[in-house]
Amino acid sequence: MATARLVASTYSVSNNTVTVSNADNMYTNVDSTNYATITHTTNGTTSYYLYLKGFNFSSIPLTATVNSFTVKVRGYESGLSTSTSYAPRLYNNTSTISGASAASSNFGTSASTITVPFTGTWDTLKNYGSNLGIRLVIRRSSRNTQGYLYIYGAEINVDYTVPDPRTITSTLSGNGSINPSGNTTKYDGDEYTLTITPSDTSNPVTVTNNGTNVTEDLVEHHTGGTSTSSSKASESGVTTGFARSNSQFYRGNSSTTGDNWLRYAIGHTAESPYSTSNTSNTYCKDGTNDATTQGWMNYPFDFSALPSDAEITSVEVKCYGATESTTETARHADVSLWCGNT
């Protein structure tokens, strides 16, 4: 047999006048020595409620047989009504639950652990899931006298048994990966899923189970989702060209030739450029008569990071830079995408 103590993880209130300080202190079991403080700001003796919820039912194995369970909450009060009419009770959100009733005792001025009654089955309780809550009543014992409720923690104490465990050992031979790898503990009735990912989609995959070939039982899947890949201009394969054979690139207004400054883009992306403040301009001129002509630099890109079997859904081309003057119409820079001569 095994025991689990399911604790809460959240709360809701019936009115925004209800306030909680140190709420995390409620999200523990009843052994805790730290408390959360709950109160409300209305002067009268109206009843307000806090629902302590979010019990972690998932910590109980799906194949477990629950032998017994008990719901408990620990706390004390100051200046609140102690009538058992306002004692803790299980709720489904803000609705009453069949088989649930108010506890036989309410909080007093000394800390105590209260058992919250429920006569239904474990499956019924578990099916309420995150909606299951312990309703705590905050009701002043008299008008204009502030009352406080101090909660140390709450738990659903579960006694359960599980079937004999099975150890599954999975190993990989060859290239690729498997998940899970090594030893995995499962119980009778559990589902065991083994994911095999070959290094290449063309690689054959075979599986044996205790020496028996079960490859025909495999179900092929493909990884879904989308991904974005950025490619930088590559140094290898950069080419230049001119509209006139005697044209050259000039750096700035000087007579110095060269395409050094155009190569600043190589190895950088538009989002992370070589510089965001560099104002070095490159001109293209006909060296014979100094007339403006046209020149270009072709930047190749490396797409090897993209999977060979990827489906390309969109392509966006970006270039970071500036022209010397935005008023020019005859002299300008253009950016375009080419494949070969197209």
Protein backbone atom coordinates (compact mmCIF):
# COMPACT_ATOMS: atom_id res chain seq x y z
CA MET A 1 0.00 0.00 0.00
CA ALA A 2 1.00 3.61 -0.53
CA THR A 3 -0.13 6.96 0.84
CA ALA A 4 -0.36 10.33 -0.91
CA ARG A 5 -1.27 13.71 0.53
CA LEU A 6 -2.85 15.84 -2.16
CA VAL A 7 -2.56 19.55 -1.46
CA ALA A 8 -4.35 22.57 -2.91
CA SER A 9 -2.73 24.99 -5.35
CA THR A 10 -5.20 27.86 -5.77
CA TYR A 11 -8.30 29.50 -4.33
CA SER A 12 -11.32 31.58 -5.33
CA VAL A 13 -13.54 33.92 -3.28
CA SER A 14 -17.23 34.74 -3.27
CA ASN A 15 -16.62 38.49 -3.09
CA ASN A 16 -13.69 40.77 -3.75
CA THR A 17 -13.91 42.08 -0.19
CA VAL A 18 -12.28 38.78 0.87
CA THR A 19 -8.51 39.20 1.07
CA VAL A 20 -5.70 36.68 1.58
CA SER A 21 -2.14 37.27 2.69
CA ASN A 22 0.61 34.64 2.37
CA ALA A 23 -1.65 32.42 0.27
CA ASP A 24 1.20 29.99 -0.50
CA ASN A 25 1.09 28.86 3.12
CA MET A 26 -2.32 27.25 2.43
CA TYR A 27 -0.89 25.09 -0.36
CA THR A 28 0.66 22.57 2.02
CA ASN A 29 -0.54 19.62 4.08
CA VAL A 30 -1.87 19.90 7.61
CA ASP A 31 1.59 19.39 9.16
CA SER A 32 2.57 22.92 8.18
CA THR A 33 3.46 25.47 10.86
CA ASN A 34 2.95 28.54 8.64
CA TYR A 35 -0.46 30.01 7.89
CA ALA A 36 -2.30 32.21 5.42
CA THR A 37 -4.53 34.96 6.79
CA ILE A 38 -8.06 35.38 5.40
CA THR A 39 -10.39 38.26 6.21
CA HIS A 40 -12.93 40.59 4.64
CA THR A 41 -13.43 44.35 4.72
CA THR A 42 -17.21 44.55 5.18
CA ASN A 43 -18.37 45.82 8.60
CA GLY A 44 -21.42 43.57 8.96
CA THR A 45 -21.90 39.91 9.82
CA THR A 46 -22.54 38.73 6.25
CA SER A 47 -21.01 35.37 5.36
CA TYR A 48 -18.28 35.36 2.73
CA TYR A 49 -16.49 32.35 1.34
CA LEU A 50 -13.08 31.18 0.23
CA TYR A 51 -12.82 27.98 -1.83
CA LEU A 52 -9.49 26.20 -1.41
CA LYS A 53 -9.01 24.28 -4.68
CA GLY A 54 -6.59 22.79 -7.21
CA PHE A 55 -5.80 19.46 -5.53
CA ASN A 56 -3.19 17.47 -7.47
CA PHE A 57 -5.16 14.32 -8.29
CA SER A 58 -2.62 13.44 -10.99
CA SER A 59 -0.17 12.27 -8.32
CA ILE A 60 -2.26 9.11 -7.87
CA PRO A 61 -1.35 6.48 -10.56
CA LEU A 62 -4.18 5.84 -13.02
CA THR A 63 -3.97 2.11 -12.32
CA ALA A 64 -4.16 2.54 -8.54
CA THR A 65 -6.93 1.12 -6.41
CA VAL A 66 -7.91 3.66 -3.75
CA ASN A 67 -8.63 1.94 -0.46
CA SER A 68 -9.63 5.04 1.54
CA PHE A 69 -9.30 8.80 1.60
CA THR A 70 -9.84 11.63 4.08
CA VAL A 71 -10.18 15.38 3.49
CA LYS A 72 -8.61 17.60 6.15
CA VAL A 73 -7.96 21.29 6.77
CA ARG A 74 -6.05 22.91 9.64
CA GLY A 75 -6.44 26.41 11.06
CA TYR A 76 -7.90 28.67 13.72
CA GLU A 77 -10.00 31.84 13.95
CA SER A 78 -10.15 35.17 15.70
CA GLY A 79 -13.36 37.21 15.90
CA LEU A 80 -15.36 34.87 13.62
CA SER A 81 -18.55 32.91 14.21
CA THR A 82 -17.77 29.39 15.42
CA SER A 83 -21.19 27.90 14.68
CA THR A 84 -20.97 24.50 12.97
CA SER A 85 -23.40 25.91 10.39
CA TYR A 86 -20.32 27.67 8.99
CA ALA A 87 -17.92 24.74 9.32
CA PRO A 88 -15.76 23.65 6.31
CA ARG A 89 -17.54 21.73 3.57
CA LEU A 90 -16.68 20.32 0.13
CA TYR A 91 -17.98 22.19 -2.93
CA ASN A 92 -17.89 21.88 -6.70
CA ASN A 93 -16.87 25.43 -7.52
CA THR A 94 -19.71 27.27 -5.74
CA SER A 95 -22.22 24.39 -5.92
CA THR A 96 -22.99 21.87 -3.19
CA ILE A 97 -21.92 18.25 -3.67
CA SER A 98 -24.03 15.17 -3.04
CA GLY A 99 -22.45 13.21 -0.20
CA ALA A 100 -20.79 16.30 1.29
CA SER A 101 -21.91 18.02 4.47
CA ALA A 102 -20.51 20.56 6.89
CA ALA A 103 -17.87 19.30 9.30
CA SER A 104 -19.03 18.39 12.79
CA SER A 105 -16.77 21.05 14.28
CA ASN A 106 -15.61 24.53 13.31
CA PHE A 107 -12.36 26.41 13.92
CA GLY A 108 -11.69 27.81 17.36
CA THR A 109 -9.10 30.16 18.77
CA SER A 110 -6.52 27.35 18.93
CA ALA A 111 -5.22 25.58 15.84
CA SER A 112 -7.04 22.34 15.05
CA THR A 113 -7.33 19.87 12.18
CA ILE A 114 -10.86 19.40 10.90
CA THR A 115 -12.02 16.38 8.89
CA VAL A 116 -14.34 17.44 6.07
CA PRO A 117 -17.02 14.77 5.46
CA PHE A 118 -17.70 13.08 2.13
CA THR A 119 -19.62 9.82 1.72
CA GLY A 120 -19.20 9.48 -2.05
CA THR A 121 -16.67 7.38 -3.96
CA TRP A 122 -13.11 8.26 -4.88
CA ASP A 123 -13.98 8.33 -8.59
CA THR A 124 -16.76 10.83 -7.91
CA LEU A 125 -14.45 13.06 -5.91
CA LYS A 126 -11.64 12.83 -8.46
CA ASN A 127 -13.95 13.69 -11.35
CA TYR A 128 -14.54 17.15 -9.88
CA GLY A 129 -10.89 17.80 -10.71
CA SER A 130 -9.71 21.37 -10.30
CA ASN A 131 -13.26 22.47 -9.41
CA LEU A 132 -13.22 20.57 -6.12
CA GLY A 133 -12.81 22.96 -3.22
CA ILE A 134 -13.06 23.14 0.55
CA ARG A 135 -15.43 26.01 1.34
CA LEU A 136 -14.24 28.14 4.25
CA VAL A 137 -16.68 30.64 5.76
CA ILE A 138 -15.49 34.07 6.90
CA ARG A 139 -18.29 35.55 9.04
CA ARG A 140 -17.68 38.11 11.78
CA SER A 141 -19.09 37.25 15.20
CA SER A 142 -20.20 40.87 15.61
CA ARG A 143 -20.51 44.02 13.53
CA ASN A 144 -17.57 46.40 13.19
CA THR A 145 -15.24 43.86 14.81
CA GLN A 146 -12.59 42.56 12.44
CA GLY A 147 -12.38 38.78 12.19
CA TYR A 148 -9.59 36.58 10.87
CA LEU A 149 -9.25 33.01 9.67
CA TYR A 150 -5.77 31.46 9.73
CA ILE A 151 -5.23 28.41 7.49
CA TYR A 152 -2.08 26.27 7.79
CA GLY A 153 -2.90 23.86 4.97
CA ALA A 154 -5.30 21.26 3.65
CA GLU A 155 -4.95 17.80 2.18
CA ILE A 156 -6.75 14.82 0.75
CA ASN A 157 -5.00 11.89 2.39
CA VAL A 158 -5.24 8.89 0.04
CA ASP A 159 -4.39 5.28 0.84
CA TYR A 160 -4.00 3.22 -2.33
CA THR A 161 -2.42 0.15 -3.89
CA VAL A 162 -1.03 -0.38 -7.37
CA PRO A 163 -0.55 -3.56 -9.43
CA ASP A 164 2.86 -5.20 -9.61
CA PRO A 165 5.24 -2.88 -11.46
CA ARG A 166 6.79 -3.87 -14.79
CA THR A 167 10.23 -2.74 -15.90
CA ILE A 168 10.54 -2.01 -19.62
CA THR A 169 14.05 -1.66 -21.00
CA SER A 170 14.52 -0.01 -24.39
CA THR A 171 17.86 0.18 -26.21
CA LEU A 172 18.93 1.60 -29.57
CA SER A 173 21.29 0.12 -32.12
CA GLY A 174 22.38 2.35 -34.98
CA ASN A 175 21.83 6.03 -35.63
CA GLY A 176 18.98 8.11 -34.23
CA SER A 177 17.29 8.33 -30.86
CA ILE A 178 14.59 6.67 -28.79
CA ASN A 179 12.38 8.05 -26.03
CA PRO A 180 12.22 6.78 -23.35
CA SER A 181 15.64 5.17 -23.27
CA GLY A 182 16.76 2.71 -20.63
CA ASN A 183 14.48 1.45 -17.86
CA THR A 184 10.88 2.63 -17.42
CA THR A 185 8.48 1.43 -14.70
CA LYS A 186 4.87 0.82 -15.73
CA TYR A 187 1.91 -0.99 -14.21
CA ASP A 188 -0.58 -3.42 -15.71
CA GLY A 189 -3.05 -1.43 -17.77
CA ASP A 190 -0.67 1.49 -18.36
CA GLU A 191 0.03 2.66 -21.89
CA TYR A 192 3.67 2.62 -22.98
CA THR A 193 4.69 4.69 -25.99
CA LEU A 194 8.14 4.41 -27.54
CA THR A 195 9.19 7.11 -30.00
CA ILE A 196 11.91 6.23 -32.49
CA THR A 197 13.52 9.07 -34.43
CA PRO A 198 16.00 8.02 -37.15
CA SER A 199 18.86 10.34 -38.03
CA ASP A 200 17.53 10.56 -41.58
CA THR A 201 14.00 9.95 -42.81
CA SER A 202 15.35 7.47 -45.36
CA ASN A 203 16.92 5.25 -42.70
CA PRO A 204 15.04 1.95 -42.16
CA VAL A 205 13.65 1.27 -38.67
CA THR A 206 13.12 -2.18 -37.19
CA VAL A 207 11.91 -3.14 -33.70
CA THR A 208 12.07 -6.32 -31.68
CA ASN A 209 10.09 -6.99 -28.50
CA ASN A 210 11.69 -9.69 -26.35
CA GLY A 211 13.36 -11.06 -29.46
CA THR A 212 10.24 -10.99 -31.64
CA ASN A 213 10.20 -8.68 -34.67
CA VAL A 214 7.27 -6.26 -34.26
CA THR A 215 8.23 -3.73 -36.91
CA GLU A 216 4.84 -4.09 -38.59
CA ASP A 217 3.22 -2.68 -35.45
CA LEU A 218 5.00 0.67 -35.82
CA VAL A 219 2.92 3.74 -36.64
CA GLU A 220 4.76 6.35 -38.66
CA HIS A 221 4.50 9.96 -37.57
CA HIS A 222 5.93 13.22 -38.78
CA THR A 223 6.93 16.10 -36.57
CA GLY A 224 4.37 18.88 -36.85
CA GLY A 225 4.56 22.57 -36.18
CA THR A 226 6.42 25.39 -37.84
CA SER A 227 9.89 26.84 -37.51
CA THR A 228 11.67 29.99 -38.61
CA SER A 229 15.24 29.92 -39.88
CA SER A 230 17.45 32.95 -40.55
CA SER A 231 20.28 32.69 -43.04
CA LYS A 232 23.20 35.15 -43.19
CA ALA A 233 24.96 36.27 -46.33
CA SER A 234 27.90 33.94 -46.97
CA GLU A 235 31.46 35.01 -47.89
CA SER A 236 31.82 32.10 -50.27
CA GLY A 237 30.34 32.81 -53.68
CA VAL A 238 29.88 36.61 -53.40
CA THR A 239 29.91 38.14 -56.89
CA THR A 240 29.74 41.66 -58.30
CA GLY A 241 28.63 43.03 -61.63
CA PHE A 242 28.33 46.32 -63.55
CA ALA A 243 26.18 47.75 -66.31
CA ARG A 244 29.36 49.07 -68.02
CA SER A 245 32.53 47.08 -68.27
CA ASN A 246 34.79 49.91 -67.08
CA SER A 247 32.75 50.69 -63.96
CA GLN A 248 34.00 50.34 -60.41
CA PHE A 249 32.83 50.75 -56.83
CA TYR A 250 34.16 53.80 -55.01
CA ARG A 251 34.21 54.25 -51.25
CA GLY A 252 32.77 57.60 -50.21
CA ASN A 253 33.60 60.66 -52.24
CA SER A 254 37.25 59.71 -52.57
CA SER A 255 39.02 58.12 -55.49
CA THR A 256 39.56 54.94 -53.49
CA THR A 257 37.99 51.94 -55.17
CA GLY A 258 36.74 48.74 -53.60
CA ASP A 259 33.65 46.91 -52.37
CA ASN A 260 34.86 46.52 -48.76
CA TRP A 261 31.97 48.45 -47.29
CA LEU A 262 29.39 46.46 -49.28
CA ARG A 263 30.80 43.34 -47.67
CA TYR A 264 29.81 44.53 -44.20
CA ALA A 265 26.56 42.59 -44.72
CA ILE A 266 28.39 39.26 -44.99
CA GLY A 267 27.99 37.14 -41.86
CA HIS A 268 25.28 39.37 -40.39
CA THR A 269 21.49 39.46 -40.46
CA ALA A 270 19.24 42.47 -40.93
CA GLU A 271 18.13 42.10 -37.28
CA SER A 272 21.77 41.98 -36.10
CA PRO A 273 23.73 44.08 -38.62
CA TYR A 274 27.44 44.85 -38.73
CA SER A 275 26.70 48.35 -37.45
CA THR A 276 23.69 50.57 -36.77
CA SER A 277 25.68 53.82 -36.95
CA ASN A 278 28.16 53.34 -39.82
CA THR A 279 27.64 55.97 -42.56
CA SER A 280 30.19 54.70 -45.07
CA ASN A 281 28.72 55.06 -48.57
CA THR A 282 29.67 53.07 -51.63
CA TYR A 283 29.16 54.55 -55.13
CA CYS A 284 29.27 52.95 -58.54
CA LYS A 285 30.87 55.07 -61.29
CA ASP A 286 32.10 54.77 -64.83
CA GLY A 287 35.82 55.29 -64.41
CA THR A 288 36.21 56.68 -67.93
CA ASN A 289 33.99 59.74 -67.72
CA ASP A 290 32.97 59.64 -64.04
CA ALA A 291 29.36 59.16 -65.07
CA THR A 292 27.08 57.35 -62.68
CA THR A 293 26.34 53.80 -63.77
CA GLN A 294 24.91 50.68 -62.19
CA GLY A 295 26.65 48.01 -60.14
CA TRP A 296 25.53 45.24 -57.92
CA MET A 297 26.73 42.69 -55.38
CA ASN A 298 25.12 39.28 -55.14
CA TYR A 299 25.08 37.75 -51.66
CA PRO A 300 24.59 33.96 -51.57
CA PHE A 301 22.96 32.26 -48.59
CA ASP A 302 23.52 28.94 -46.86
CA PHE A 303 20.28 27.00 -46.31
CA SER A 304 21.87 23.80 -44.97
CA ALA A 305 20.23 24.41 -41.57
CA LEU A 306 16.81 23.77 -43.11
CA PRO A 307 15.68 20.11 -43.02
CA SER A 308 15.82 18.53 -46.45
CA ASP A 309 12.18 17.47 -46.22
CA ALA A 310 10.86 20.78 -44.85
CA GLU A 311 7.92 22.46 -46.52
CA ILE A 312 8.74 26.13 -47.10
CA THR A 313 5.63 28.20 -46.40
CA SER A 314 7.09 31.70 -46.81
CA VAL A 315 10.33 33.54 -47.55
CA GLU A 316 11.14 37.07 -46.40
CA VAL A 317 14.19 38.98 -47.62
CA LYS A 318 15.59 41.83 -45.53
CA CYS A 319 18.56 44.15 -45.96
CA TYR A 320 19.71 46.66 -43.36
CA GLY A 321 21.24 49.86 -44.72
CA ALA A 322 20.68 53.46 -45.80
CA THR A 323 21.02 55.72 -48.81
CA GLU A 324 22.90 59.02 -48.64
CA SER A 325 19.79 61.02 -49.50
CA THR A 326 16.13 60.04 -49.47
CA THR A 327 15.33 62.81 -52.00
CA GLU A 328 17.27 61.20 -54.83
CA THR A 329 15.21 59.60 -57.61
CA ALA A 330 17.83 59.05 -60.30
CA ARG A 331 20.44 57.68 -57.91
CA HIS A 332 19.23 55.01 -55.52
CA ALA A 333 19.78 51.50 -54.15
CA ASP A 334 17.49 48.54 -54.74
CA VAL A 335 17.23 45.17 -53.01
CA SER A 336 15.82 42.15 -54.79
CA LEU A 337 15.86 38.36 -54.61
CA TRP A 338 17.38 36.38 -57.48
CA CYS A 339 17.82 32.73 -58.38
CA GLY A 340 20.39 32.44 -61.16
CA ASN A 341 19.38 35.08 -63.71
CA THR A 342 15.75 35.25 -62.55
